[in-house]
Amino acid sequence: MPEVILDDALARRCARQLNIIFTGTLGIILKAKQSGYIEAISPILNQLETLGFRCDLQTRAAVLNLAGE
């Protein structure tokens, strides 16, 4: 089954109801780090935040922890 990229809360809720597999921006960035495509997540998160990307502190900390940062 294909996987889609979703960050919008309503879209995620609909995807869950339809059993659609999805990941968000943070998931893509984490996969990129785990696959060796990028060296660090923190600078990317900082840049996204300056561009208006919203991420709560707990989620940010969890992603950085999973990335070993």
PDB file of N, CA and C in Angstrom:
ATOM      1  N   MET A   1       0.853  -1.184   0.000  1.00  0.00           N
ATOM      2  CA  MET A   1       0.000   0.000   0.000  1.00  0.00           C
ATOM      3  C   MET A   1       0.897   1.246   0.000  1.00  0.00           C
ATOM      4  N   PRO A   2       0.566   2.237  -0.791  1.00  0.00           N
ATOM      5  CA  PRO A   2       1.362   3.474  -0.839  1.00  0.00           C
ATOM      6  C   PRO A   2       1.291   4.233   0.477  1.00  0.00           C
ATOM      7  N   GLU A   3       2.324   4.984   0.721  1.00  0.00           N
ATOM      8  CA  GLU A   3       2.389   5.831   1.903  1.00  0.00           C
ATOM      9  C   GLU A   3       2.326   7.282   1.450  1.00  0.00           C
ATOM     10  N   VAL A   4       1.606   8.110   2.195  1.00  0.00           N
ATOM     11  CA  VAL A   4       1.490   9.524   1.858  1.00  0.00           C
ATOM     12  C   VAL A   4       2.143  10.375   2.938  1.00  0.00           C
ATOM     13  N   ILE A   5       2.476  11.599   2.576  1.00  0.00           N
ATOM     14  CA  ILE A   5       3.066  12.549   3.514  1.00  0.00           C
ATOM     15  C   ILE A   5       1.978  13.540   3.905  1.00  0.00           C
ATOM     16  N   LEU A   6       1.707  13.604   5.204  1.00  0.00           N
ATOM     17  CA  LEU A   6       0.666  14.501   5.725  1.00  0.00           C
ATOM     18  C   LEU A   6       1.144  15.178   6.995  1.00  0.00           C
ATOM     19  N   ASP A   7       0.889  16.459   7.116  1.00  0.00           N
ATOM     20  CA  ASP A   7       1.152  17.169   8.365  1.00  0.00           C
ATOM     21  C   ASP A   7      -0.120  17.770   8.946  1.00  0.00           C
ATOM     22  N   ASP A   8      -1.106  18.004   8.124  1.00  0.00           N
ATOM     23  CA  ASP A   8      -2.350  18.625   8.558  1.00  0.00           C
ATOM     24  C   ASP A   8      -3.135  17.668   9.462  1.00  0.00           C
ATOM     25  N   ALA A   9      -3.603  18.164  10.607  1.00  0.00           N
ATOM     26  CA  ALA A   9      -4.300  17.322  11.587  1.00  0.00           C
ATOM     27  C   ALA A   9      -5.563  16.686  11.010  1.00  0.00           C
ATOM     28  N   LEU A  10      -6.342  17.450  10.276  1.00  0.00           N
ATOM     29  CA  LEU A  10      -7.568  16.902   9.690  1.00  0.00           C
ATOM     30  C   LEU A  10      -7.248  15.814   8.669  1.00  0.00           C
ATOM     31  N   ALA A  11      -6.238  16.041   7.852  1.00  0.00           N
ATOM     32  CA  ALA A  11      -5.841  15.042   6.858  1.00  0.00           C
ATOM     33  C   ALA A  11      -5.355  13.765   7.534  1.00  0.00           C
ATOM     34  N   ARG A  12      -4.617  13.894   8.623  1.00  0.00           N
ATOM     35  CA  ARG A  12      -4.151  12.720   9.371  1.00  0.00           C
ATOM     36  C   ARG A  12      -5.332  11.943   9.949  1.00  0.00           C
ATOM     37  N   ARG A  13      -6.291  12.650  10.477  1.00  0.00           N
ATOM     38  CA  ARG A  13      -7.472  12.009  11.064  1.00  0.00           C
ATOM     39  C   ARG A  13      -8.232  11.226   9.991  1.00  0.00           C
ATOM     40  N   CYS A  14      -8.399  11.831   8.830  1.00  0.00           N
ATOM     41  CA  CYS A  14      -9.078  11.158   7.715  1.00  0.00           C
ATOM     42  C   CYS A  14      -8.281   9.939   7.247  1.00  0.00           C
ATOM     43  N   ALA A  15      -6.969  10.085   7.165  1.00  0.00           N
ATOM     44  CA  ALA A  15      -6.118   8.969   6.735  1.00  0.00           C
ATOM     45  C   ALA A  15      -6.242   7.796   7.700  1.00  0.00           C
ATOM     46  N   ARG A  16      -6.267   8.081   8.992  1.00  0.00           N
ATOM     47  CA  ARG A  16      -6.437   7.004   9.981  1.00  0.00           C
ATOM     48  C   ARG A  16      -7.768   6.282   9.773  1.00  0.00           C
ATOM     49  N   GLN A  17      -8.826   7.043   9.555  1.00  0.00           N
ATOM     50  CA  GLN A  17     -10.144   6.446   9.349  1.00  0.00           C
ATOM     51  C   GLN A  17     -10.185   5.585   8.092  1.00  0.00           C
ATOM     52  N   LEU A  18      -9.398   5.956   7.089  1.00  0.00           N
ATOM     53  CA  LEU A  18      -9.366   5.216   5.826  1.00  0.00           C
ATOM     54  C   LEU A  18      -8.246   4.177   5.786  1.00  0.00           C
ATOM     55  N   ASN A  19      -7.545   4.002   6.914  1.00  0.00           N
ATOM     56  CA  ASN A  19      -6.425   3.056   7.010  1.00  0.00           C
ATOM     57  C   ASN A  19      -5.339   3.330   5.971  1.00  0.00           C
ATOM     58  N   ILE A  20      -5.071   4.609   5.756  1.00  0.00           N
ATOM     59  CA  ILE A  20      -4.006   5.012   4.843  1.00  0.00           C
ATOM     60  C   ILE A  20      -2.734   5.220   5.657  1.00  0.00           C
ATOM     61  N   ILE A  21      -1.666   4.617   5.209  1.00  0.00           N
ATOM     62  CA  ILE A  21      -0.379   4.761   5.890  1.00  0.00           C
ATOM     63  C   ILE A  21       0.183   6.140   5.555  1.00  0.00           C
ATOM     64  N   PHE A  22       0.661   6.849   6.587  1.00  0.00           N
ATOM     65  CA  PHE A  22       1.204   8.184   6.347  1.00  0.00           C
ATOM     66  C   PHE A  22       2.373   8.456   7.271  1.00  0.00           C
ATOM     67  N   THR A  23       3.144   9.444   6.888  1.00  0.00           N
ATOM     68  CA  THR A  23       4.195   9.989   7.730  1.00  0.00           C
ATOM     69  C   THR A  23       4.188  11.492   7.510  1.00  0.00           C
ATOM     70  N   GLY A  24       4.801  12.204   8.429  1.00  0.00           N
ATOM     71  CA  GLY A  24       4.853  13.656   8.326  1.00  0.00           C
ATOM     72  C   GLY A  24       6.251  14.138   7.996  1.00  0.00           C
ATOM     73  N   THR A  25       6.402  15.433   7.976  1.00  0.00           N
ATOM     74  CA  THR A  25       7.695  16.046   7.670  1.00  0.00           C
ATOM     75  C   THR A  25       8.780  15.536   8.618  1.00  0.00           C
ATOM     76  N   LEU A  26       8.459  15.486   9.907  1.00  0.00           N
ATOM     77  CA  LEU A  26       9.462  15.034  10.875  1.00  0.00           C
ATOM     78  C   LEU A  26       9.848  13.580  10.645  1.00  0.00           C
ATOM     79  N   GLY A  27       8.891  12.775  10.265  1.00  0.00           N
ATOM     80  CA  GLY A  27       9.182  11.372   9.963  1.00  0.00           C
ATOM     81  C   GLY A  27      10.098  11.222   8.766  1.00  0.00           C
ATOM     82  N   ILE A  28       9.877  12.046   7.753  1.00  0.00           N
ATOM     83  CA  ILE A  28      10.731  12.015   6.560  1.00  0.00           C
ATOM     84  C   ILE A  28      12.157  12.446   6.916  1.00  0.00           C
ATOM     85  N   ILE A  29      12.267  13.497   7.713  1.00  0.00           N
ATOM     86  CA  ILE A  29      13.594  13.976   8.119  1.00  0.00           C
ATOM     87  C   ILE A  29      14.309  12.918   8.956  1.00  0.00           C
ATOM     88  N   LEU A  30      13.588  12.279   9.871  1.00  0.00           N
ATOM     89  CA  LEU A  30      14.185  11.227  10.698  1.00  0.00           C
ATOM     90  C   LEU A  30      14.645  10.055   9.825  1.00  0.00           C
ATOM     91  N   LYS A  31      13.837   9.646   8.872  1.00  0.00           N
ATOM     92  CA  LYS A  31      14.232   8.561   7.967  1.00  0.00           C
ATOM     93  C   LYS A  31      15.467   8.949   7.164  1.00  0.00           C
ATOM     94  N   ALA A  32      15.557  10.207   6.769  1.00  0.00           N
ATOM     95  CA  ALA A  32      16.730  10.675   6.020  1.00  0.00           C
ATOM     96  C   ALA A  32      17.995  10.560   6.872  1.00  0.00           C
ATOM     97  N   LYS A  33      17.894  10.906   8.132  1.00  0.00           N
ATOM     98  CA  LYS A  33      19.058  10.800   9.028  1.00  0.00           C
ATOM     99  C   LYS A  33      19.423   9.334   9.243  1.00  0.00           C
ATOM    100  N   GLN A  34      18.424   8.503   9.504  1.00  0.00           N
ATOM    101  CA  GLN A  34      18.673   7.079   9.742  1.00  0.00           C
ATOM    102  C   GLN A  34      19.260   6.395   8.519  1.00  0.00           C
ATOM    103  N   SER A  35      18.941   6.900   7.334  1.00  0.00           N
ATOM    104  CA  SER A  35      19.449   6.322   6.085  1.00  0.00           C
ATOM    105  C   SER A  35      20.785   6.918   5.659  1.00  0.00           C
ATOM    106  N   GLY A  36      21.258   7.932   6.404  1.00  0.00           N
ATOM    107  CA  GLY A  36      22.549   8.527   6.099  1.00  0.00           C
ATOM    108  C   GLY A  36      22.520   9.630   5.058  1.00  0.00           C
ATOM    109  N   TYR A  37      21.328  10.098   4.692  1.00  0.00           N
ATOM    110  CA  TYR A  37      21.234  11.178   3.708  1.00  0.00           C
ATOM    111  C   TYR A  37      21.560  12.543   4.300  1.00  0.00           C
ATOM    112  N   ILE A  38      21.331  12.695   5.590  1.00  0.00           N
ATOM    113  CA  ILE A  38      21.685  13.938   6.287  1.00  0.00           C
ATOM    114  C   ILE A  38      22.433  13.583   7.560  1.00  0.00           C
ATOM    115  N   GLU A  39      23.253  14.508   8.035  1.00  0.00           N
ATOM    116  CA  GLU A  39      24.049  14.248   9.229  1.00  0.00           C
ATOM    117  C   GLU A  39      23.349  14.630  10.517  1.00  0.00           C
ATOM    118  N   ALA A  40      22.516  15.676  10.466  1.00  0.00           N
ATOM    119  CA  ALA A  40      21.883  16.174  11.688  1.00  0.00           C
ATOM    120  C   ALA A  40      20.493  16.708  11.384  1.00  0.00           C
ATOM    121  N   ILE A  41      19.613  16.501  12.334  1.00  0.00           N
ATOM    122  CA  ILE A  41      18.232  16.959  12.211  1.00  0.00           C
ATOM    123  C   ILE A  41      18.036  18.344  12.805  1.00  0.00           C
ATOM    124  N   SER A  42      18.720  18.636  13.873  1.00  0.00           N
ATOM    125  CA  SER A  42      18.519  19.881  14.608  1.00  0.00           C
ATOM    126  C   SER A  42      18.603  21.133  13.729  1.00  0.00           C
ATOM    127  N   PRO A  43      19.625  21.277  12.873  1.00  0.00           N
ATOM    128  CA  PRO A  43      19.677  22.481  12.032  1.00  0.00           C
ATOM    129  C   PRO A  43      18.486  22.581  11.075  1.00  0.00           C
ATOM    130  N   ILE A  44      18.017  21.448  10.592  1.00  0.00           N
ATOM    131  CA  ILE A  44      16.867  21.452   9.695  1.00  0.00           C
ATOM    132  C   ILE A  44      15.611  21.883  10.442  1.00  0.00           C
ATOM    133  N   LEU A  45      15.437  21.375  11.661  1.00  0.00           N
ATOM    134  CA  LEU A  45      14.288  21.782  12.477  1.00  0.00           C
ATOM    135  C   LEU A  45      14.332  23.277  12.764  1.00  0.00           C
ATOM    136  N   ASN A  46      15.518  23.786  13.064  1.00  0.00           N
ATOM    137  CA  ASN A  46      15.658  25.226  13.320  1.00  0.00           C
ATOM    138  C   ASN A  46      15.252  26.039  12.092  1.00  0.00           C
ATOM    139  N   GLN A  47      15.692  25.595  10.927  1.00  0.00           N
ATOM    140  CA  GLN A  47      15.358  26.312   9.691  1.00  0.00           C
ATOM    141  C   GLN A  47      13.859  26.237   9.406  1.00  0.00           C
ATOM    142  N   LEU A  48      13.266  25.067   9.589  1.00  0.00           N
ATOM    143  CA  LEU A  48      11.823  24.918   9.381  1.00  0.00           C
ATOM    144  C   LEU A  48      11.037  25.845  10.299  1.00  0.00           C
ATOM    145  N   GLU A  49      11.462  25.952  11.553  1.00  0.00           N
ATOM    146  CA  GLU A  49      10.771  26.818  12.508  1.00  0.00           C
ATOM    147  C   GLU A  49      10.851  28.276  12.095  1.00  0.00           C
ATOM    148  N   THR A  50      11.989  28.694  11.540  1.00  0.00           N
ATOM    149  CA  THR A  50      12.090  30.089  11.088  1.00  0.00           C
ATOM    150  C   THR A  50      11.184  30.348   9.885  1.00  0.00           C
ATOM    151  N   LEU A  51      10.830  29.279   9.172  1.00  0.00           N
ATOM    152  CA  LEU A  51       9.931  29.390   8.023  1.00  0.00           C
ATOM    153  C   LEU A  51       8.459  29.239   8.403  1.00  0.00           C
ATOM    154  N   GLY A  52       8.205  29.046   9.713  1.00  0.00           N
ATOM    155  CA  GLY A  52       6.826  28.966  10.184  1.00  0.00           C
ATOM    156  C   GLY A  52       6.310  27.562  10.440  1.00  0.00           C
ATOM    157  N   PHE A  53       7.155  26.544  10.309  1.00  0.00           N
ATOM    158  CA  PHE A  53       6.741  25.173  10.612  1.00  0.00           C
ATOM    159  C   PHE A  53       6.524  25.057  12.115  1.00  0.00           C
ATOM    160  N   ARG A  54       5.374  24.551  12.497  1.00  0.00           N
ATOM    161  CA  ARG A  54       5.055  24.437  13.924  1.00  0.00           C
ATOM    162  C   ARG A  54       5.282  23.017  14.410  1.00  0.00           C
ATOM    163  N   CYS A  55       5.947  22.909  15.541  1.00  0.00           N
ATOM    164  CA  CYS A  55       6.233  21.620  16.157  1.00  0.00           C
ATOM    165  C   CYS A  55       6.318  21.852  17.663  1.00  0.00           C
ATOM    166  N   ASP A  56       5.536  21.091  18.427  1.00  0.00           N
ATOM    167  CA  ASP A  56       5.599  21.316  19.872  1.00  0.00           C
ATOM    168  C   ASP A  56       6.921  20.781  20.426  1.00  0.00           C
ATOM    169  N   LEU A  57       7.297  21.282  21.574  1.00  0.00           N
ATOM    170  CA  LEU A  57       8.610  20.966  22.143  1.00  0.00           C
ATOM    171  C   LEU A  57       8.777  19.488  22.461  1.00  0.00           C
ATOM    172  N   GLN A  58       7.710  18.824  22.909  1.00  0.00           N
ATOM    173  CA  GLN A  58       7.800  17.393  23.223  1.00  0.00           C
ATOM    174  C   GLN A  58       8.061  16.570  21.965  1.00  0.00           C
ATOM    175  N   THR A  59       7.388  16.902  20.887  1.00  0.00           N
ATOM    176  CA  THR A  59       7.589  16.186  19.631  1.00  0.00           C
ATOM    177  C   THR A  59       9.001  16.418  19.106  1.00  0.00           C
ATOM    178  N   ARG A  60       9.437  17.666  19.161  1.00  0.00           N
ATOM    179  CA  ARG A  60      10.806  17.986  18.725  1.00  0.00           C
ATOM    180  C   ARG A  60      11.832  17.193  19.533  1.00  0.00           C
ATOM    181  N   ALA A  61      11.659  17.177  20.849  1.00  0.00           N
ATOM    182  CA  ALA A  61      12.591  16.443  21.719  1.00  0.00           C
ATOM    183  C   ALA A  61      12.574  14.945  21.402  1.00  0.00           C
ATOM    184  N   ALA A  62      11.393  14.394  21.143  1.00  0.00           N
ATOM    185  CA  ALA A  62      11.286  12.968  20.843  1.00  0.00           C
ATOM    186  C   ALA A  62      11.999  12.635  19.531  1.00  0.00           C
ATOM    187  N   VAL A  63      11.825  13.472  18.525  1.00  0.00           N
ATOM    188  CA  VAL A  63      12.471  13.233  17.230  1.00  0.00           C
ATOM    189  C   VAL A  63      13.986  13.331  17.371  1.00  0.00           C
ATOM    190  N   LEU A  64      14.444  14.343  18.078  1.00  0.00           N
ATOM    191  CA  LEU A  64      15.887  14.500  18.292  1.00  0.00           C
ATOM    192  C   LEU A  64      16.445  13.312  19.083  1.00  0.00           C
ATOM    193  N   ASN A  65      15.685  12.832  20.049  1.00  0.00           N
ATOM    194  CA  ASN A  65      16.115  11.659  20.830  1.00  0.00           C
ATOM    195  C   ASN A  65      16.225  10.434  19.939  1.00  0.00           C
ATOM    196  N   LEU A  66      15.215  10.203  19.089  1.00  0.00           N
ATOM    197  CA  LEU A  66      15.247   9.069  18.175  1.00  0.00           C
ATOM    198  C   LEU A  66      16.430   9.165  17.201  1.00  0.00           C
ATOM    199  N   ALA A  67      16.817  10.385  16.884  1.00  0.00           N
ATOM    200  CA  ALA A  67      17.930  10.622  15.962  1.00  0.00           C
ATOM    201  C   ALA A  67      19.285  10.574  16.666  1.00  0.00           C
ATOM    202  N   GLY A  68      19.264  10.471  17.997  1.00  0.00           N
ATOM    203  CA  GLY A  68      20.508  10.450  18.753  1.00  0.00           C
ATOM    204  C   GLY A  68      21.168  11.812  18.860  1.00  0.00           C
ATOM    205  N   GLU A  69      20.328  12.861  18.850  1.00  0.00           N
ATOM    206  CA  GLU A  69      20.852  14.231  18.954  1.00  0.00           C
ATOM    207  C   GLU A  69      20.414  14.864  20.250  1.00  0.00           C
TER     208      GLU A  69
END
